[in-house]
């Protein structure tokens, strides 16, 4: 099901550092009531033309609010001018929200076991996913990877869910030292994976490729929440295309914002991505 996106002005309720990242919570007007894990929003940071383009953010959490209106959490890294300007926003100010956009993770309502794999700020859509699966009583495990312990944003949310949690950091400051894909591979090599298991992952491009190889090795369908620079978020500008293999073997450039952002890793043409 694809929800019709709406555009509206949303009041910022919270915007604060979360470890090495930022957490922003805004008041939804009901447009995101039926949003599903994997979908995202496009945010206009100013009513002026600076910056000109909206910025895409995964829906990280849907929190109950007063009078039946939810509060929406997004997580972001302060990287370039857009997110720098966003980090300066104060509670009470407004942002322009367009959403929900994109397609959610597939098979969300099936009782199949799930392995959630996160790298860095790629955790954003996976927090929403984990809370959704818990509510639906779908069995899952979480593999969190980050550069340092300070990069493990929303860790307490996963801990409260009381599900198997595997943590790795590049520097060993929290959990096991190493990449999250090594932790995932160790688990799959030493445990009998239930039939129907799928992998849902989000993180940097190198992690995507590594997770895809692990999924292929152990014959587990793997779905990636693809992160691309987006202009419109509606499939019009074609700035966020991803090379995807079709059933007949041909290659097609697929819009991440519209047909995605969730992709079956087995269909991604990695060589075309450099």
C-alpha atoms as a PDB file:
ATOM      1  CA  UNK A   1       0.000   0.000   0.000  1.00  0.00           C
ATOM      2  CA  UNK A   2       1.343   3.441  -0.941  1.00  0.00           C
ATOM      3  CA  UNK A   3       0.070   6.328   1.162  1.00  0.00           C
ATOM      4  CA  UNK A   4      -0.668   9.631  -0.573  1.00  0.00           C
ATOM      5  CA  UNK A   5       1.931  12.200   0.520  1.00  0.00           C
ATOM      6  CA  UNK A   6       0.836  15.497   2.032  1.00  0.00           C
ATOM      7  CA  UNK A   7       2.679  18.781   2.442  1.00  0.00           C
ATOM      8  CA  UNK A   8       2.306  20.724   5.693  1.00  0.00           C
ATOM      9  CA  UNK A   9       4.052  22.962   8.212  1.00  0.00           C
ATOM     10  CA  UNK A  10       5.167  21.068  11.326  1.00  0.00           C
ATOM     11  CA  UNK A  11       6.174  22.509  14.688  1.00  0.00           C
ATOM     12  CA  UNK A  12       9.520  21.371  16.051  1.00  0.00           C
ATOM     13  CA  UNK A  13       9.165  19.967  19.567  1.00  0.00           C
ATOM     14  CA  UNK A  14      12.750  18.834  20.147  1.00  0.00           C
ATOM     15  CA  UNK A  15      16.061  19.246  18.309  1.00  0.00           C
ATOM     16  CA  UNK A  16      19.134  18.183  20.254  1.00  0.00           C
ATOM     17  CA  UNK A  17      22.437  16.303  19.961  1.00  0.00           C
ATOM     18  CA  UNK A  18      22.240  12.510  20.299  1.00  0.00           C
ATOM     19  CA  UNK A  19      25.809  11.312  20.698  1.00  0.00           C
ATOM     20  CA  UNK A  20      27.561  12.307  17.481  1.00  0.00           C
ATOM     21  CA  UNK A  21      24.235  12.852  15.698  1.00  0.00           C
ATOM     22  CA  UNK A  22      21.053  14.876  16.193  1.00  0.00           C
ATOM     23  CA  UNK A  23      17.489  13.937  17.133  1.00  0.00           C
ATOM     24  CA  UNK A  24      14.572  16.084  15.973  1.00  0.00           C
ATOM     25  CA  UNK A  25      10.935  15.530  16.963  1.00  0.00           C
ATOM     26  CA  UNK A  26       8.075  17.375  15.288  1.00  0.00           C
ATOM     27  CA  UNK A  27       4.290  17.426  15.599  1.00  0.00           C
ATOM     28  CA  UNK A  28       2.530  15.508  12.839  1.00  0.00           C
ATOM     29  CA  UNK A  29      -0.811  16.744  11.520  1.00  0.00           C
ATOM     30  CA  UNK A  30      -2.041  13.224  10.773  1.00  0.00           C
ATOM     31  CA  UNK A  31      -0.383  12.888   7.362  1.00  0.00           C
ATOM     32  CA  UNK A  32       2.049  10.252   8.653  1.00  0.00           C
ATOM     33  CA  UNK A  33      -0.504   8.313  10.672  1.00  0.00           C
ATOM     34  CA  UNK A  34      -0.321   5.313   8.338  1.00  0.00           C
ATOM     35  CA  UNK A  35       3.362   5.594   7.437  1.00  0.00           C
ATOM     36  CA  UNK A  36       5.282   2.322   7.427  1.00  0.00           C
ATOM     37  CA  UNK A  37       8.910   1.452   8.224  1.00  0.00           C
ATOM     38  CA  UNK A  38      11.186   2.276   5.326  1.00  0.00           C
ATOM     39  CA  UNK A  39       9.224   5.315   4.168  1.00  0.00           C
ATOM     40  CA  UNK A  40      10.675   8.791   4.468  1.00  0.00           C
ATOM     41  CA  UNK A  41       9.845  12.490   4.443  1.00  0.00           C
ATOM     42  CA  UNK A  42      11.264  15.453   2.523  1.00  0.00           C
ATOM     43  CA  UNK A  43      11.889  18.492   4.688  1.00  0.00           C
ATOM     44  CA  UNK A  44      11.927  22.139   3.587  1.00  0.00           C
ATOM     45  CA  UNK A  45      14.234  23.934   5.970  1.00  0.00           C
ATOM     46  CA  UNK A  46      13.226  27.490   5.141  1.00  0.00           C
ATOM     47  CA  UNK A  47      10.397  29.397   3.480  1.00  0.00           C
ATOM     48  CA  UNK A  48      13.041  31.250   1.469  1.00  0.00           C
ATOM     49  CA  UNK A  49      14.989  29.808  -1.478  1.00  0.00           C
ATOM     50  CA  UNK A  50      18.022  29.111   0.689  1.00  0.00           C
ATOM     51  CA  UNK A  51      18.451  26.201   0.669  1.00  0.00           C
ATOM     52  CA  UNK A  52      16.525  25.602  -2.543  1.00  0.00           C
ATOM     53  CA  UNK A  53      15.943  21.852  -2.248  1.00  0.00           C
ATOM     54  CA  UNK A  54      14.258  19.834   0.474  1.00  0.00           C
ATOM     55  CA  UNK A  55      16.254  17.251   2.409  1.00  0.00           C
ATOM     56  CA  UNK A  56      15.143  13.597   2.752  1.00  0.00           C
ATOM     57  CA  UNK A  57      15.022  11.924   6.186  1.00  0.00           C
ATOM     58  CA  UNK A  58      13.897   8.454   7.196  1.00  0.00           C
ATOM     59  CA  UNK A  59      11.047   8.225   9.664  1.00  0.00           C
ATOM     60  CA  UNK A  60      12.871   6.990  12.756  1.00  0.00           C
ATOM     61  CA  UNK A  61       9.998   6.733  15.235  1.00  0.00           C
ATOM     62  CA  UNK A  62       6.268   7.393  15.410  1.00  0.00           C
ATOM     63  CA  UNK A  63       5.504   8.460  18.974  1.00  0.00           C
ATOM     64  CA  UNK A  64       1.991   8.850  20.425  1.00  0.00           C
ATOM     65  CA  UNK A  65       1.049  12.444  21.136  1.00  0.00           C
ATOM     66  CA  UNK A  66      -1.889  14.398  22.579  1.00  0.00           C
ATOM     67  CA  UNK A  67      -5.327  14.370  20.946  1.00  0.00           C
ATOM     68  CA  UNK A  68      -4.447  11.363  18.815  1.00  0.00           C
ATOM     69  CA  UNK A  69      -1.782  13.230  16.820  1.00  0.00           C
ATOM     70  CA  UNK A  70       1.574  11.506  16.616  1.00  0.00           C
ATOM     71  CA  UNK A  71       4.989  12.973  17.097  1.00  0.00           C
ATOM     72  CA  UNK A  72       7.611  12.023  14.523  1.00  0.00           C
ATOM     73  CA  UNK A  73      11.304  11.527  15.231  1.00  0.00           C
ATOM     74  CA  UNK A  74      14.060  11.842  12.660  1.00  0.00           C
ATOM     75  CA  UNK A  75      17.779  11.242  13.186  1.00  0.00           C
ATOM     76  CA  UNK A  76      20.436  13.039  11.202  1.00  0.00           C
ATOM     77  CA  UNK A  77      24.131  13.780  10.972  1.00  0.00           C
ATOM     78  CA  UNK A  78      25.328  17.381  10.671  1.00  0.00           C
ATOM     79  CA  UNK A  79      27.293  17.014   7.448  1.00  0.00           C
ATOM     80  CA  UNK A  80      26.670  19.812   4.944  1.00  0.00           C
ATOM     81  CA  UNK A  81      24.884  23.159   4.809  1.00  0.00           C
ATOM     82  CA  UNK A  82      21.346  21.735   4.890  1.00  0.00           C
ATOM     83  CA  UNK A  83      21.777  19.622   8.020  1.00  0.00           C
ATOM     84  CA  UNK A  84      23.899  22.384   9.621  1.00  0.00           C
ATOM     85  CA  UNK A  85      20.956  24.770   9.212  1.00  0.00           C
ATOM     86  CA  UNK A  86      18.584  22.115  10.536  1.00  0.00           C
ATOM     87  CA  UNK A  87      20.726  21.655  13.654  1.00  0.00           C
ATOM     88  CA  UNK A  88      20.200  25.355  14.462  1.00  0.00           C
ATOM     89  CA  UNK A  89      16.401  25.073  14.518  1.00  0.00           C
ATOM     90  CA  UNK A  90      14.722  25.621  17.879  1.00  0.00           C
ATOM     91  CA  UNK A  91      11.562  24.133  19.429  1.00  0.00           C
ATOM     92  CA  UNK A  92       8.590  26.218  18.351  1.00  0.00           C
ATOM     93  CA  UNK A  93       9.991  26.877  14.881  1.00  0.00           C
ATOM     94  CA  UNK A  94       8.464  25.137  11.872  1.00  0.00           C
ATOM     95  CA  UNK A  95       9.731  22.975   9.049  1.00  0.00           C
ATOM     96  CA  UNK A  96       7.921  22.092   5.843  1.00  0.00           C
ATOM     97  CA  UNK A  97       7.182  18.351   5.736  1.00  0.00           C
ATOM     98  CA  UNK A  98       6.252  16.336   2.639  1.00  0.00           C
ATOM     99  CA  UNK A  99       5.365  12.687   3.203  1.00  0.00           C
ATOM    100  CA  UNK A 100       5.088   9.829   3.557  1.00  0.00           C
ATOM    101  CA  UNK A 101       7.274   9.084   0.535  1.00  0.00           C
ATOM    102  CA  UNK A 102       8.685   5.914  -0.972  1.00  0.00           C
ATOM    103  CA  UNK A 103       7.782   2.297  -0.408  1.00  0.00           C
ATOM    104  CA  UNK A 104       8.186   0.461   2.918  1.00  0.00           C
ATOM    105  CA  UNK A 105      10.142  -2.676   3.699  1.00  0.00           C
ATOM    106  CA  UNK A 106       8.433  -5.693   2.072  1.00  0.00           C
ATOM    107  CA  UNK A 107       6.599  -8.487   3.902  1.00  0.00           C
ATOM    108  CA  UNK A 108       6.168  -6.509   7.119  1.00  0.00           C
ATOM    109  CA  UNK A 109       3.094  -8.425   8.228  1.00  0.00           C
ATOM    110  CA  UNK A 110       4.419 -11.915   7.608  1.00  0.00           C
ATOM    111  CA  UNK A 111       5.567 -13.920  10.600  1.00  0.00           C
ATOM    112  CA  UNK A 112       9.027 -14.495   9.112  1.00  0.00           C
ATOM    113  CA  UNK A 113      12.193 -14.075  11.222  1.00  0.00           C
ATOM    114  CA  UNK A 114      14.054 -10.818  10.565  1.00  0.00           C
ATOM    115  CA  UNK A 115      17.696  -9.842  10.956  1.00  0.00           C
ATOM    116  CA  UNK A 116      18.053  -6.049  11.244  1.00  0.00           C
ATOM    117  CA  UNK A 117      21.508  -4.753  10.286  1.00  0.00           C
ATOM    118  CA  UNK A 118      22.495  -1.140  10.908  1.00  0.00           C
ATOM    119  CA  UNK A 119      25.594   0.908  10.216  1.00  0.00           C
ATOM    120  CA  UNK A 120      26.023   4.365  11.787  1.00  0.00           C
ATOM    121  CA  UNK A 121      23.208   6.821  11.104  1.00  0.00           C
ATOM    122  CA  UNK A 122      21.681   4.086   8.916  1.00  0.00           C
ATOM    123  CA  UNK A 123      19.932   3.123  12.156  1.00  0.00           C
ATOM    124  CA  UNK A 124      17.277   5.785  11.447  1.00  0.00           C
ATOM    125  CA  UNK A 125      14.686   3.739   9.511  1.00  0.00           C
ATOM    126  CA  UNK A 126      15.507   0.621  11.529  1.00  0.00           C
ATOM    127  CA  UNK A 127      14.336   2.015  14.875  1.00  0.00           C
ATOM    128  CA  UNK A 128      10.848   2.440  13.425  1.00  0.00           C
ATOM    129  CA  UNK A 129      11.123  -1.012  11.859  1.00  0.00           C
ATOM    130  CA  UNK A 130      12.124  -2.687  15.153  1.00  0.00           C
ATOM    131  CA  UNK A 131       9.269  -1.096  17.107  1.00  0.00           C
ATOM    132  CA  UNK A 132       6.831  -2.048  14.365  1.00  0.00           C
ATOM    133  CA  UNK A 133       7.976  -5.704  14.285  1.00  0.00           C
ATOM    134  CA  UNK A 134       7.778  -5.910  18.083  1.00  0.00           C
ATOM    135  CA  UNK A 135       4.202  -4.641  17.990  1.00  0.00           C
ATOM    136  CA  UNK A 136       3.339  -7.200  15.286  1.00  0.00           C
ATOM    137  CA  UNK A 137       5.051  -9.971  17.296  1.00  0.00           C
ATOM    138  CA  UNK A 138       7.421 -10.763  14.445  1.00  0.00           C
ATOM    139  CA  UNK A 139      10.641 -12.417  15.738  1.00  0.00           C
ATOM    140  CA  UNK A 140      13.814 -10.449  14.998  1.00  0.00           C
ATOM    141  CA  UNK A 141      17.418  -9.838  15.987  1.00  0.00           C
ATOM    142  CA  UNK A 142      19.329  -6.570  15.758  1.00  0.00           C
ATOM    143  CA  UNK A 143      22.927  -6.075  14.632  1.00  0.00           C
ATOM    144  CA  UNK A 144      24.128  -2.536  15.370  1.00  0.00           C
ATOM    145  CA  UNK A 145      27.401  -1.236  14.002  1.00  0.00           C
ATOM    146  CA  UNK A 146      29.054   2.152  14.470  1.00  0.00           C
ATOM    147  CA  UNK A 147      32.452   3.816  14.430  1.00  0.00           C
ATOM    148  CA  UNK A 148      32.424   4.458  18.201  1.00  0.00           C
ATOM    149  CA  UNK A 149      30.101   4.029  21.157  1.00  0.00           C
ATOM    150  CA  UNK A 150      29.001   7.668  20.758  1.00  0.00           C
ATOM    151  CA  UNK A 151      27.638   6.809  17.317  1.00  0.00           C
ATOM    152  CA  UNK A 152      25.174   4.262  18.738  1.00  0.00           C
ATOM    153  CA  UNK A 153      22.144   6.531  18.621  1.00  0.00           C
ATOM    154  CA  UNK A 154      18.805   5.316  20.071  1.00  0.00           C
ATOM    155  CA  UNK A 155      20.546   2.287  21.584  1.00  0.00           C
ATOM    156  CA  UNK A 156      18.240   2.466  24.611  1.00  0.00           C
ATOM    157  CA  UNK A 157      15.206   1.984  22.342  1.00  0.00           C
ATOM    158  CA  UNK A 158      16.533  -1.359  21.114  1.00  0.00           C
ATOM    159  CA  UNK A 159      17.466  -2.392  24.648  1.00  0.00           C
ATOM    160  CA  UNK A 160      13.915  -1.733  25.870  1.00  0.00           C
ATOM    161  CA  UNK A 161      12.537  -4.022  23.153  1.00  0.00           C
ATOM    162  CA  UNK A 162      14.320  -6.943  24.862  1.00  0.00           C
ATOM    163  CA  UNK A 163      15.364  -8.689  21.649  1.00  0.00           C
ATOM    164  CA  UNK A 164      18.728 -10.303  20.843  1.00  0.00           C
ATOM    165  CA  UNK A 165      21.129  -7.403  20.265  1.00  0.00           C
ATOM    166  CA  UNK A 166      24.628  -7.639  18.770  1.00  0.00           C
ATOM    167  CA  UNK A 167      26.787  -4.517  18.935  1.00  0.00           C
ATOM    168  CA  UNK A 168      30.050  -3.820  17.123  1.00  0.00           C
ATOM    169  CA  UNK A 169      32.153  -0.672  16.924  1.00  0.00           C
ATOM    170  CA  UNK A 170      35.133   0.018  14.694  1.00  0.00           C
ATOM    171  CA  UNK A 171      37.285   1.070  17.653  1.00  0.00           C
ATOM    172  CA  UNK A 172      35.980  -1.485  20.155  1.00  0.00           C
ATOM    173  CA  UNK A 173      34.685   1.220  22.529  1.00  0.00           C
ATOM    174  CA  UNK A 174      31.348  -0.622  22.791  1.00  0.00           C
ATOM    175  CA  UNK A 175      30.564  -4.260  22.139  1.00  0.00           C
ATOM    176  CA  UNK A 176      32.712  -6.336  19.807  1.00  0.00           C
ATOM    177  CA  UNK A 177      35.487  -4.635  17.828  1.00  0.00           C
ATOM    178  CA  UNK A 178      35.031  -4.778  14.066  1.00  0.00           C
ATOM    179  CA  UNK A 179      32.444  -4.306  11.357  1.00  0.00           C
ATOM    180  CA  UNK A 180      28.794  -5.194  11.862  1.00  0.00           C
ATOM    181  CA  UNK A 181      28.906  -7.559   8.871  1.00  0.00           C
ATOM    182  CA  UNK A 182      31.447  -9.750  10.660  1.00  0.00           C
ATOM    183  CA  UNK A 183      29.076 -10.040  13.614  1.00  0.00           C
ATOM    184  CA  UNK A 184      26.238 -10.945  11.238  1.00  0.00           C
ATOM    185  CA  UNK A 185      28.354 -13.537   9.439  1.00  0.00           C
ATOM    186  CA  UNK A 186      29.507 -15.118  12.722  1.00  0.00           C
ATOM    187  CA  UNK A 187      25.897 -15.475  13.825  1.00  0.00           C
ATOM    188  CA  UNK A 188      24.785 -17.059  10.552  1.00  0.00           C
ATOM    189  CA  UNK A 189      27.780 -19.410  10.499  1.00  0.00           C
ATOM    190  CA  UNK A 190      27.122 -20.685  14.024  1.00  0.00           C
ATOM    191  CA  UNK A 191      23.338 -20.684  14.310  1.00  0.00           C
ATOM    192  CA  UNK A 192      20.647 -22.523  12.388  1.00  0.00           C
ATOM    193  CA  UNK A 193      18.681 -19.839  10.594  1.00  0.00           C
ATOM    194  CA  UNK A 194      14.905 -20.385  10.620  1.00  0.00           C
ATOM    195  CA  UNK A 195      13.236 -20.891   7.270  1.00  0.00           C
ATOM    196  CA  UNK A 196      11.958 -17.675   5.717  1.00  0.00           C
ATOM    197  CA  UNK A 197      14.507 -15.415   7.408  1.00  0.00           C
ATOM    198  CA  UNK A 198      15.120 -12.056   5.700  1.00  0.00           C
ATOM    199  CA  UNK A 199      17.693  -9.306   6.237  1.00  0.00           C
ATOM    200  CA  UNK A 200      16.724  -5.632   6.383  1.00  0.00           C
ATOM    201  CA  UNK A 201      19.695  -3.253   6.363  1.00  0.00           C
ATOM    202  CA  UNK A 202      20.618   0.414   6.219  1.00  0.00           C
ATOM    203  CA  UNK A 203      24.005   2.091   6.348  1.00  0.00           C
ATOM    204  CA  UNK A 204      26.864   3.386   4.184  1.00  0.00           C
ATOM    205  CA  UNK A 205      27.434   2.039   0.671  1.00  0.00           C
ATOM    206  CA  UNK A 206      30.416  -0.236   1.561  1.00  0.00           C
ATOM    207  CA  UNK A 207      28.305  -1.853   4.290  1.00  0.00           C
ATOM    208  CA  UNK A 208      25.476  -2.420   1.800  1.00  0.00           C
ATOM    209  CA  UNK A 209      27.799  -4.341  -0.467  1.00  0.00           C
ATOM    210  CA  UNK A 210      29.204  -6.395   2.409  1.00  0.00           C
ATOM    211  CA  UNK A 211      25.744  -7.234   3.798  1.00  0.00           C
ATOM    212  CA  UNK A 212      24.624  -8.244   0.313  1.00  0.00           C
ATOM    213  CA  UNK A 213      27.536 -10.671   0.011  1.00  0.00           C
ATOM    214  CA  UNK A 214      26.675 -12.209   3.393  1.00  0.00           C
ATOM    215  CA  UNK A 215      23.031 -12.576   2.374  1.00  0.00           C
ATOM    216  CA  UNK A 216      24.060 -14.195  -0.900  1.00  0.00           C
ATOM    217  CA  UNK A 217      26.481 -16.570   0.846  1.00  0.00           C
ATOM    218  CA  UNK A 218      23.839 -17.816   3.271  1.00  0.00           C
ATOM    219  CA  UNK A 219      20.989 -17.641   0.723  1.00  0.00           C
ATOM    220  CA  UNK A 220      18.983 -15.104   2.735  1.00  0.00           C
ATOM    221  CA  UNK A 221      16.909 -12.460   0.901  1.00  0.00           C
ATOM    222  CA  UNK A 222      18.391  -9.068   1.731  1.00  0.00           C
ATOM    223  CA  UNK A 223      16.635  -5.714   1.433  1.00  0.00           C
ATOM    224  CA  UNK A 224      18.502  -2.427   1.609  1.00  0.00           C
ATOM    225  CA  UNK A 225      17.120   0.943   2.645  1.00  0.00           C
ATOM    226  CA  UNK A 226      18.981   2.892  -0.020  1.00  0.00           C
ATOM    227  CA  UNK A 227      20.352   6.321   0.799  1.00  0.00           C
ATOM    228  CA  UNK A 228      20.735   8.688  -2.156  1.00  0.00           C
ATOM    229  CA  UNK A 229      20.772  12.416  -2.745  1.00  0.00           C
ATOM    230  CA  UNK A 230      17.222  13.371  -3.699  1.00  0.00           C
ATOM    231  CA  UNK A 231      15.788  16.507  -5.230  1.00  0.00           C
ATOM    232  CA  UNK A 232      12.010  16.280  -5.384  1.00  0.00           C
ATOM    233  CA  UNK A 233      11.289  12.994  -3.565  1.00  0.00           C
ATOM    234  CA  UNK A 234       8.418  12.356  -5.982  1.00  0.00           C
ATOM    235  CA  UNK A 235      10.193  10.613  -8.851  1.00  0.00           C
ATOM    236  CA  UNK A 236      10.237  13.631 -11.156  1.00  0.00           C
ATOM    237  CA  UNK A 237      13.808  14.974 -11.139  1.00  0.00           C
ATOM    238  CA  UNK A 238      15.641  11.617 -11.612  1.00  0.00           C
ATOM    239  CA  UNK A 239      18.577  12.606  -9.385  1.00  0.00           C
ATOM    240  CA  UNK A 240      18.394   9.507  -7.159  1.00  0.00           C
ATOM    241  CA  UNK A 241      18.430   6.632  -9.654  1.00  0.00           C
ATOM    242  CA  UNK A 242      19.977   3.255  -8.833  1.00  0.00           C
ATOM    243  CA  UNK A 243      21.059   0.617 -11.421  1.00  0.00           C
ATOM    244  CA  UNK A 244      18.806  -2.432 -10.978  1.00  0.00           C
ATOM    245  CA  UNK A 245      18.716  -5.710 -12.925  1.00  0.00           C
ATOM    246  CA  UNK A 246      15.328  -6.640 -14.354  1.00  0.00           C
ATOM    247  CA  UNK A 247      13.856 -10.142 -14.589  1.00  0.00           C
ATOM    248  CA  UNK A 248      14.868 -10.421 -18.253  1.00  0.00           C
ATOM    249  CA  UNK A 249      18.482  -9.531 -17.460  1.00  0.00           C
ATOM    250  CA  UNK A 250      18.347  -5.952 -18.701  1.00  0.00           C
ATOM    251  CA  UNK A 251      19.476  -3.000 -16.616  1.00  0.00           C
ATOM    252  CA  UNK A 252      17.161  -0.191 -15.585  1.00  0.00           C
ATOM    253  CA  UNK A 253      17.807   2.987 -13.632  1.00  0.00           C
ATOM    254  CA  UNK A 254      15.240   2.920 -10.810  1.00  0.00           C
ATOM    255  CA  UNK A 255      14.207   5.985  -8.805  1.00  0.00           C
ATOM    256  CA  UNK A 256      15.179   5.542  -5.152  1.00  0.00           C
ATOM    257  CA  UNK A 257      12.558   8.002  -3.957  1.00  0.00           C
ATOM    258  CA  UNK A 258       9.625   6.448  -5.791  1.00  0.00           C
ATOM    259  CA  UNK A 259      10.191   2.745  -6.573  1.00  0.00           C
ATOM    260  CA  UNK A 260      12.544   2.628  -3.573  1.00  0.00           C
ATOM    261  CA  UNK A 261      14.089   3.450  -1.214  1.00  0.00           C
ATOM    262  CA  UNK A 262      13.993  -0.277  -0.384  1.00  0.00           C
ATOM    263  CA  UNK A 263      15.854  -2.479  -2.864  1.00  0.00           C
ATOM    264  CA  UNK A 264      16.409  -6.217  -3.111  1.00  0.00           C
ATOM    265  CA  UNK A 265      20.208  -6.416  -2.902  1.00  0.00           C
ATOM    266  CA  UNK A 266      20.278  -9.268  -5.423  1.00  0.00           C
ATOM    267  CA  UNK A 267      18.998  -6.897  -8.121  1.00  0.00           C
ATOM    268  CA  UNK A 268      21.491  -4.061  -7.568  1.00  0.00           C
ATOM    269  CA  UNK A 269      24.162  -3.807 -10.284  1.00  0.00           C
ATOM    270  CA  UNK A 270      27.103  -3.099  -7.994  1.00  0.00           C
ATOM    271  CA  UNK A 271      29.665  -2.706 -10.805  1.00  0.00           C
ATOM    272  CA  UNK A 272      27.754   0.262 -12.177  1.00  0.00           C
ATOM    273  CA  UNK A 273      28.026   2.037  -8.844  1.00  0.00           C
ATOM    274  CA  UNK A 274      31.817   2.173  -8.838  1.00  0.00           C
END
